[in-house]
């Protein structure tokens, strides 16, 4: 699918290094001041690419279409993925937006909006009633982005530990609809 100069497609095994670069650079840029600098500096594209490969190989079939890349001029500039929401480790009927990242120099170009719309559409087409996501509570830009996409905080908060620092998160939710599902375009 082409959306305003951004081409969206299913992620392949050949995209693992490019997606890892998007994710690592995304973390290092978006989470500066929110995640300990030592953790951000230690992130490795090579290690992350290995995790992406293992994920794609391990989810062959069941994960098809859940990882989507955004390209411009043949370069991967963004990536997002979703799957079943896990409540205490058990899948629920809801979907979860696990990740959404765009290279820092491609933010505010529509790539993130296009990825979000595509992932919402796919989750709705898969029959999920809602999509949930976790966002760093301090990440005002991401919170504003998700709110513009129709997500609202649902009152659930948690934190995770990064190098001994508690990082608070806020959960957001959005109902999925038939109109969302009708927007699915693959390839």
Protein backbone atom coordinates (compact mmCIF):
# COMPACT_ATOMS: atom_id res chain seq x y z
CA UNK A 1 0.00 0.00 0.00
CA UNK A 2 1.23 3.49 -0.81
CA UNK A 3 0.26 6.32 1.52
CA UNK A 4 1.55 9.80 0.70
CA UNK A 5 4.90 8.62 -0.65
CA UNK A 6 5.21 5.98 2.06
CA UNK A 7 4.96 2.39 0.87
CA UNK A 8 3.69 -0.09 3.49
CA UNK A 9 4.32 -3.82 3.25
CA UNK A 10 4.77 -6.94 5.33
CA UNK A 11 8.16 -7.22 6.98
CA UNK A 12 10.42 -9.99 5.65
CA UNK A 13 13.49 -11.67 7.08
CA UNK A 14 15.57 -9.46 4.78
CA UNK A 15 14.30 -6.38 6.65
CA UNK A 16 15.62 -7.41 10.07
CA UNK A 17 18.72 -5.21 10.07
CA UNK A 18 16.86 -2.17 8.73
CA UNK A 19 14.05 -2.64 11.26
CA UNK A 20 16.60 -3.04 14.06
CA UNK A 21 18.20 0.24 12.99
CA UNK A 22 14.77 1.94 13.06
CA UNK A 23 14.03 0.52 16.52
CA UNK A 24 17.43 1.31 18.06
CA UNK A 25 17.60 4.83 16.64
CA UNK A 26 13.95 5.32 17.62
CA UNK A 27 14.63 4.35 21.24
CA UNK A 28 17.79 6.44 21.42
CA UNK A 29 16.00 9.51 20.08
CA UNK A 30 12.50 9.22 21.58
CA UNK A 31 13.47 7.99 25.04
CA UNK A 32 16.44 10.28 25.77
CA UNK A 33 15.96 11.57 29.31
CA UNK A 34 13.31 8.93 30.06
CA UNK A 35 15.43 5.74 29.87
CA UNK A 36 18.91 5.62 31.42
CA UNK A 37 21.49 6.87 28.88
CA UNK A 38 23.75 3.84 29.54
CA UNK A 39 20.97 1.52 28.39
CA UNK A 40 20.29 3.54 25.23
CA UNK A 41 24.01 3.74 24.41
CA UNK A 42 24.40 -0.02 24.86
CA UNK A 43 21.66 -0.88 22.36
CA UNK A 44 23.00 -2.79 19.37
CA UNK A 45 21.53 -2.99 15.88
CA UNK A 46 23.18 -6.40 15.42
CA UNK A 47 21.67 -7.86 18.60
CA UNK A 48 18.27 -6.40 17.85
CA UNK A 49 18.38 -7.73 14.27
CA UNK A 50 19.04 -11.19 15.71
CA UNK A 51 15.94 -10.89 17.91
CA UNK A 52 13.87 -9.74 14.91
CA UNK A 53 15.06 -12.76 12.87
CA UNK A 54 14.25 -15.18 15.71
CA UNK A 55 10.80 -13.60 16.09
CA UNK A 56 9.97 -13.86 12.39
CA UNK A 57 11.23 -17.44 12.10
CA UNK A 58 9.42 -18.44 15.32
CA UNK A 59 6.13 -16.88 14.27
CA UNK A 60 6.05 -18.14 10.68
CA UNK A 61 2.42 -18.40 9.67
CA UNK A 62 0.85 -17.12 12.89
CA UNK A 63 2.66 -13.78 12.80
CA UNK A 64 2.20 -13.09 9.09
CA UNK A 65 1.04 -9.54 8.51
CA UNK A 66 1.62 -8.45 12.07
CA UNK A 67 4.97 -6.80 11.32
CA UNK A 68 4.72 -3.98 8.80
CA UNK A 69 7.47 -1.75 7.41
CA UNK A 70 7.20 1.72 5.93
CA UNK A 71 9.50 2.53 3.03
CA UNK A 72 10.41 5.69 1.16
CA UNK A 73 12.58 5.57 -1.93
CA UNK A 74 13.35 1.90 -1.20
CA UNK A 75 14.61 2.61 2.34
CA UNK A 76 12.90 1.21 5.45
CA UNK A 77 12.03 4.29 7.52
CA UNK A 78 9.51 2.82 9.96
CA UNK A 79 8.20 -0.36 11.51
CA UNK A 80 5.27 -1.41 13.61
CA UNK A 81 3.89 -4.67 14.93
CA UNK A 82 0.92 -5.96 16.89
CA UNK A 83 -0.42 -9.20 18.26
CA UNK A 84 -2.72 -10.50 20.96
CA UNK A 85 -2.82 -8.51 24.18
CA UNK A 86 -1.35 -10.51 27.06
CA UNK A 87 -2.94 -10.26 30.48
CA UNK A 88 -0.66 -11.92 33.02
CA UNK A 89 1.00 -13.78 30.14
CA UNK A 90 -2.23 -15.12 28.64
CA UNK A 91 -3.59 -13.85 25.29
CA UNK A 92 -6.91 -12.00 25.35
CA UNK A 93 -9.37 -11.09 22.58
CA UNK A 94 -7.81 -7.62 22.33
CA UNK A 95 -4.84 -6.69 20.17
CA UNK A 96 -1.75 -4.92 21.45
CA UNK A 97 0.36 -2.47 19.50
CA UNK A 98 3.73 -3.86 20.55
CA UNK A 99 5.91 -1.36 18.71
CA UNK A 100 5.77 1.62 16.40
CA UNK A 101 8.94 3.46 15.39
CA UNK A 102 9.96 5.83 12.61
CA UNK A 103 13.51 7.02 11.96
CA UNK A 104 13.97 10.38 13.70
CA UNK A 105 14.51 12.31 10.45
CA UNK A 106 11.24 10.90 9.04
CA UNK A 107 8.99 11.89 11.95
CA UNK A 108 6.07 14.19 11.16
CA UNK A 109 6.02 12.99 7.55
CA UNK A 110 2.91 10.80 7.80
CA UNK A 111 4.82 7.51 7.99
CA UNK A 112 3.79 6.88 11.61
CA UNK A 113 0.15 7.72 10.88
CA UNK A 114 0.16 5.38 7.87
CA UNK A 115 1.69 2.54 9.90
CA UNK A 116 -0.79 3.07 12.72
CA UNK A 117 -3.78 3.05 10.36
CA UNK A 118 -2.54 -0.13 8.69
CA UNK A 119 -1.95 -1.94 11.99
CA UNK A 120 -5.38 -0.86 13.31
CA UNK A 121 -6.97 -2.13 10.09
CA UNK A 122 -5.21 -5.47 10.25
CA UNK A 123 -6.08 -5.99 13.91
CA UNK A 124 -9.73 -5.14 13.21
CA UNK A 125 -9.78 -7.50 10.21
CA UNK A 126 -8.37 -10.21 12.50
CA UNK A 127 -11.46 -9.75 14.69
CA UNK A 128 -9.93 -7.96 17.69
CA UNK A 129 -12.47 -5.68 19.42
CA UNK A 130 -9.87 -3.22 20.77
CA UNK A 131 -6.23 -2.34 20.44
CA UNK A 132 -4.23 -1.54 23.56
CA UNK A 133 -0.74 -0.10 23.86
CA UNK A 134 1.70 0.98 26.54
CA UNK A 135 3.48 4.32 26.27
CA UNK A 136 6.07 5.88 28.56
CA UNK A 137 4.13 8.22 30.81
CA UNK A 138 6.69 11.00 30.27
CA UNK A 139 6.62 10.64 26.48
CA UNK A 140 4.34 13.60 25.76
CA UNK A 141 4.94 13.51 21.99
CA UNK A 142 3.98 9.83 21.69
CA UNK A 143 0.94 10.31 23.91
CA UNK A 144 -0.25 13.19 21.73
CA UNK A 145 0.36 11.07 18.59
CA UNK A 146 -1.71 8.16 19.92
CA UNK A 147 -4.49 10.45 21.15
CA UNK A 148 -4.78 11.94 17.64
CA UNK A 149 -5.17 8.34 16.38
CA UNK A 150 -8.15 7.82 18.68
CA UNK A 151 -6.45 6.12 21.63
CA UNK A 152 -7.35 7.20 25.17
CA UNK A 153 -5.71 6.38 28.50
CA UNK A 154 -7.76 3.69 30.23
CA UNK A 155 -6.51 4.40 33.76
CA UNK A 156 -4.05 1.50 33.93
CA UNK A 157 -0.47 2.34 34.84
CA UNK A 158 2.59 0.21 35.49
CA UNK A 159 6.35 0.53 35.42
CA UNK A 160 9.29 -1.54 34.32
CA UNK A 161 12.88 -1.53 35.51
CA UNK A 162 15.77 -0.35 33.33
CA UNK A 163 19.15 -0.53 35.05
CA UNK A 164 17.60 0.05 38.47
CA UNK A 165 15.39 2.92 37.33
CA UNK A 166 11.59 2.54 37.41
CA UNK A 167 10.14 3.70 34.08
CA UNK A 168 6.40 4.45 34.36
CA UNK A 169 4.01 3.55 31.55
CA UNK A 170 0.40 4.40 30.82
CA UNK A 171 -1.94 2.06 28.95
CA UNK A 172 -4.07 3.41 26.10
CA UNK A 173 -7.04 1.75 24.38
CA UNK A 174 -8.96 2.22 21.15
CA UNK A 175 -12.08 0.39 19.95
CA UNK A 176 -11.70 -1.21 16.52
CA UNK A 177 -14.49 -1.07 13.97
CA UNK A 178 -15.68 -2.50 10.66
CA UNK A 179 -14.49 0.76 9.08
CA UNK A 180 -10.99 0.07 10.42
CA UNK A 181 -11.08 -3.47 9.02
CA UNK A 182 -12.21 -2.24 5.60
CA UNK A 183 -9.02 -0.18 5.33
CA UNK A 184 -6.75 -3.26 5.13
CA UNK A 185 -4.47 -3.24 2.14
CA UNK A 186 -1.54 -5.58 1.89
CA UNK A 187 1.39 -5.44 -0.46
